[in-house]
């Protein structure tokens, strides 16, 4: 995309306006791939993050003409992904990982981190159930991977009705995000963004972390 805009600006200075418009028309109608953007997030969350972080790092003017969907020189940083689910599918962080970022991936589903250890080797991968306090709780699971797994009984009943399958109920020990960061975040490491997708448990994930986490900047 950056190359397209660069060529477009140069053509405008040396060609008649009518001819430049005609060339642009050909690009718009024939070359779909020029305008596509790569993303992995379930609803394009990583595309939104690209735009926000482009503006932060480059300034609004430069960010408008940058295209990091193709260029791998996006400035590197650090993320924390709670409810990471899978290393690529529906991942809000894999786009950044491919461009040299690293971070902490956390998911509660038993066995979920085995594939992360193979695919996301630069990352710190933690199997843990994050909540506002330490406790033993019922975790409803349909296996690994699935977006249905949850702590919420109401949420579980909804998916049971929709899928026609009863979840397995297992007992898991919870921990806080603050504790995970205190023990696993590299010393002095700043966090560029935090992604939380905990299936109806997002508030509990954040509740203690915001007030109780003080050793590193969030």
Protein backbone atom coordinates (compact mmCIF):
# COMPACT_ATOMS: atom_id res chain seq x y z
CA UNK A 1 0.00 0.00 0.00
CA UNK A 2 2.82 2.44 0.83
CA UNK A 3 4.34 1.78 -2.62
CA UNK A 4 0.97 2.41 -4.29
CA UNK A 5 0.60 5.79 -2.59
CA UNK A 6 4.19 6.73 -3.46
CA UNK A 7 3.68 5.91 -7.14
CA UNK A 8 0.32 7.72 -7.12
CA UNK A 9 1.89 10.92 -5.76
CA UNK A 10 4.67 10.84 -8.36
CA UNK A 11 2.26 10.22 -11.22
CA UNK A 12 0.17 13.22 -10.14
CA UNK A 13 3.21 15.48 -10.63
CA UNK A 14 4.14 14.27 -14.11
CA UNK A 15 0.90 13.12 -15.77
CA UNK A 16 -2.34 14.90 -16.66
CA UNK A 17 -5.05 14.58 -14.02
CA UNK A 18 -7.36 12.67 -16.38
CA UNK A 19 -4.69 10.03 -17.05
CA UNK A 20 -3.84 9.69 -13.36
CA UNK A 21 -7.52 9.12 -12.58
CA UNK A 22 -7.70 6.48 -15.32
CA UNK A 23 -4.74 4.61 -13.86
CA UNK A 24 -6.30 4.82 -10.40
CA UNK A 25 -9.57 3.46 -11.85
CA UNK A 26 -7.72 0.43 -13.27
CA UNK A 27 -6.10 -0.22 -9.89
CA UNK A 28 -9.43 0.05 -8.08
CA UNK A 29 -11.35 -2.22 -10.46
CA UNK A 30 -8.74 -4.86 -11.36
CA UNK A 31 -6.29 -5.27 -8.48
CA UNK A 32 -8.15 -6.28 -5.32
CA UNK A 33 -5.01 -7.52 -3.55
CA UNK A 34 -3.54 -4.00 -3.37
CA UNK A 35 -6.24 -2.94 -0.92
CA UNK A 36 -6.47 -6.04 1.25
CA UNK A 37 -5.10 -6.13 4.80
CA UNK A 38 -3.87 -9.15 6.69
CA UNK A 39 -5.48 -9.90 10.03
CA UNK A 40 -6.07 -12.82 12.38
CA UNK A 41 -8.38 -11.41 15.08
CA UNK A 42 -11.90 -12.83 15.04
CA UNK A 43 -13.42 -9.43 14.26
CA UNK A 44 -10.36 -7.59 12.97
CA UNK A 45 -9.27 -6.34 16.39
CA UNK A 46 -5.61 -6.52 15.33
CA UNK A 47 -6.32 -4.19 12.39
CA UNK A 48 -7.65 -1.58 14.83
CA UNK A 49 -4.55 -2.06 16.97
CA UNK A 50 -2.35 -1.58 13.89
CA UNK A 51 -3.97 1.79 13.23
CA UNK A 52 -3.71 2.95 16.85
CA UNK A 53 -0.07 1.93 17.20
CA UNK A 54 0.91 3.30 13.79
CA UNK A 55 -0.31 6.73 14.88
CA UNK A 56 1.52 6.43 18.21
CA UNK A 57 4.84 5.43 16.67
CA UNK A 58 4.83 7.39 13.42
CA UNK A 59 2.43 10.28 13.93
CA UNK A 60 -0.91 10.58 12.16
CA UNK A 61 0.47 11.90 8.85
CA UNK A 62 3.00 9.12 8.25
CA UNK A 63 0.65 6.44 9.52
CA UNK A 64 -1.87 7.26 6.78
CA UNK A 65 0.58 6.19 4.04
CA UNK A 66 2.24 3.25 5.84
CA UNK A 67 1.23 -0.30 5.04
CA UNK A 68 2.50 -2.72 7.63
CA UNK A 69 0.10 -5.42 6.45
CA UNK A 70 2.85 -6.21 3.92
CA UNK A 71 5.93 -4.51 5.39
CA UNK A 72 7.43 -6.40 8.34
CA UNK A 73 9.30 -3.35 9.72
CA UNK A 74 6.51 -2.38 12.13
CA UNK A 75 8.11 -1.11 15.39
CA UNK A 76 8.41 -3.93 17.91
CA UNK A 77 6.74 -4.02 21.31
CA UNK A 78 5.25 -6.25 24.01
CA UNK A 79 1.70 -7.53 24.49
CA UNK A 80 -0.27 -9.50 27.07
CA UNK A 81 -3.06 -11.71 25.71
CA UNK A 82 -5.52 -13.12 28.27
CA UNK A 83 -7.81 -15.71 26.71
CA UNK A 84 -5.33 -16.26 23.89
CA UNK A 85 -7.28 -19.30 22.62
CA UNK A 86 -4.95 -20.38 19.76
CA UNK A 87 -1.59 -19.17 18.43
CA UNK A 88 -3.00 -18.06 15.06
CA UNK A 89 -6.77 -18.57 14.80
CA UNK A 90 -8.73 -15.59 16.20
CA UNK A 91 -5.48 -14.22 17.63
CA UNK A 92 -5.27 -10.50 18.34
CA UNK A 93 -1.49 -10.76 18.71
CA UNK A 94 -0.18 -13.09 15.99
CA UNK A 95 0.05 -10.29 13.40
CA UNK A 96 2.40 -8.50 15.78
CA UNK A 97 4.33 -11.68 16.60
CA UNK A 98 5.09 -12.12 12.89
CA UNK A 99 6.67 -8.66 12.91
CA UNK A 100 9.05 -9.31 15.77
CA UNK A 101 6.89 -8.54 18.79
CA UNK A 102 6.77 -10.84 21.79
CA UNK A 103 4.57 -11.09 24.85
CA UNK A 104 2.67 -13.24 27.33
CA UNK A 105 -0.13 -15.55 26.20
CA UNK A 106 -2.53 -16.86 28.85
CA UNK A 107 -5.38 -19.34 28.47
CA UNK A 108 -7.27 -21.48 30.97
CA UNK A 109 -8.13 -24.49 28.82
CA UNK A 110 -6.06 -27.52 29.93
CA UNK A 111 -3.46 -28.40 27.29
CA UNK A 112 -3.93 -25.12 25.40
CA UNK A 113 -0.31 -24.02 25.69
CA UNK A 114 1.24 -27.09 24.02
CA UNK A 115 0.69 -25.68 20.53
CA UNK A 116 1.70 -22.19 21.67
CA UNK A 117 5.08 -23.59 22.74
CA UNK A 118 5.62 -24.83 19.18
CA UNK A 119 4.20 -21.88 17.22
CA UNK A 120 4.94 -18.93 19.53
CA UNK A 121 8.37 -19.83 20.88
CA UNK A 122 9.47 -16.23 21.52
CA UNK A 123 6.46 -15.71 23.78
CA UNK A 124 5.92 -16.57 27.42
CA UNK A 125 3.03 -19.06 27.33
CA UNK A 126 1.05 -19.69 30.51
CA UNK A 127 -1.85 -22.04 31.18
CA UNK A 128 -3.83 -20.30 33.91
CA UNK A 129 -7.36 -19.27 34.81
CA UNK A 130 -7.27 -15.54 35.51
CA UNK A 131 -9.78 -13.97 37.88
CA UNK A 132 -10.05 -11.27 40.55
CA UNK A 133 -9.04 -13.60 43.39
CA UNK A 134 -7.47 -16.98 44.06
CA UNK A 135 -10.10 -19.68 44.39
CA UNK A 136 -11.23 -23.09 43.14
CA UNK A 137 -13.97 -22.75 40.53
CA UNK A 138 -15.96 -24.79 38.03
CA UNK A 139 -14.70 -24.40 34.47
CA UNK A 140 -17.05 -25.43 31.63
CA UNK A 141 -15.19 -26.79 28.63
CA UNK A 142 -16.02 -28.35 25.27
CA UNK A 143 -12.39 -29.25 24.65
CA UNK A 144 -9.45 -27.52 23.02
CA UNK A 145 -9.62 -25.32 21.10
CA UNK A 146 -13.11 -23.82 21.30
CA UNK A 147 -14.41 -20.33 21.98
CA UNK A 148 -17.17 -21.73 24.21
CA UNK A 149 -15.02 -22.59 27.26
CA UNK A 150 -16.06 -20.40 30.17
CA UNK A 151 -16.40 -19.84 33.90
CA UNK A 152 -19.93 -18.54 33.49
CA UNK A 153 -22.71 -21.06 34.13
CA UNK A 154 -25.12 -18.83 32.21
CA UNK A 155 -22.73 -18.62 29.27
CA UNK A 156 -22.24 -22.40 29.37
CA UNK A 157 -26.00 -23.07 29.31
CA UNK A 158 -26.38 -20.79 26.29
CA UNK A 159 -23.73 -22.69 24.30
CA UNK A 160 -25.13 -26.03 25.43
CA UNK A 161 -28.51 -25.06 23.95
CA UNK A 162 -26.92 -23.88 20.71
CA UNK A 163 -24.54 -26.81 20.23
CA UNK A 164 -26.65 -29.58 21.74
CA UNK A 165 -23.54 -30.75 23.59
CA UNK A 166 -23.07 -30.77 27.34
CA UNK A 167 -19.73 -29.32 28.55
CA UNK A 168 -17.25 -31.09 30.77
CA UNK A 169 -17.09 -29.54 34.23
CA UNK A 170 -13.65 -29.41 35.78
CA UNK A 171 -12.28 -27.72 38.89
CA UNK A 172 -9.50 -25.21 38.29
CA UNK A 173 -7.51 -22.95 40.59
CA UNK A 174 -7.69 -19.28 39.66
CA UNK A 175 -4.95 -16.69 39.91
CA UNK A 176 -4.79 -12.94 39.31
CA UNK A 177 -3.31 -11.14 36.34
CA UNK A 178 -1.30 -9.08 38.81
CA UNK A 179 0.39 -12.19 40.17
CA UNK A 180 1.17 -13.54 36.71
CA UNK A 181 2.74 -10.27 35.66
CA UNK A 182 4.72 -10.00 38.88
CA UNK A 183 6.27 -13.42 38.28
CA UNK A 184 6.45 -13.64 34.46
CA UNK A 185 6.84 -10.14 33.01
CA UNK A 186 10.52 -9.43 32.28
CA UNK A 187 11.97 -6.84 34.65
CA UNK A 188 11.47 -3.29 33.38
CA UNK A 189 9.37 -4.43 30.42
CA UNK A 190 6.60 -2.02 29.41
CA UNK A 191 3.35 -3.41 28.00
CA UNK A 192 2.22 -1.83 24.73
CA UNK A 193 -1.24 -3.36 24.78
CA UNK A 194 -3.37 -5.80 26.77
CA UNK A 195 -5.94 -8.03 25.04
CA UNK A 196 -8.62 -9.65 27.23
CA UNK A 197 -11.18 -12.12 25.87
CA UNK A 198 -12.27 -14.26 28.81
CA UNK A 199 -15.79 -15.28 27.76
CA UNK A 200 -17.98 -13.22 30.13
CA UNK A 201 -15.19 -12.92 32.71
CA UNK A 202 -13.35 -9.85 31.41
CA UNK A 203 -14.19 -7.56 34.33
CA UNK A 204 -12.89 -10.08 36.86
CA UNK A 205 -9.63 -10.39 34.88
CA UNK A 206 -9.09 -6.63 35.01
CA UNK A 207 -10.51 -5.90 38.46
CA UNK A 208 -7.42 -6.65 40.54
CA UNK A 209 -4.87 -6.08 37.80
CA UNK A 210 -5.54 -2.36 37.45
CA UNK A 211 -5.45 -1.56 41.14
CA UNK A 212 -3.11 -4.22 42.41
CA UNK A 213 -0.35 -4.32 39.83
CA UNK A 214 2.32 -1.75 40.58
CA UNK A 215 5.81 -3.19 39.90
CA UNK A 216 5.75 -2.58 36.15
CA UNK A 217 3.94 0.02 33.99
CA UNK A 218 0.75 -1.22 32.34
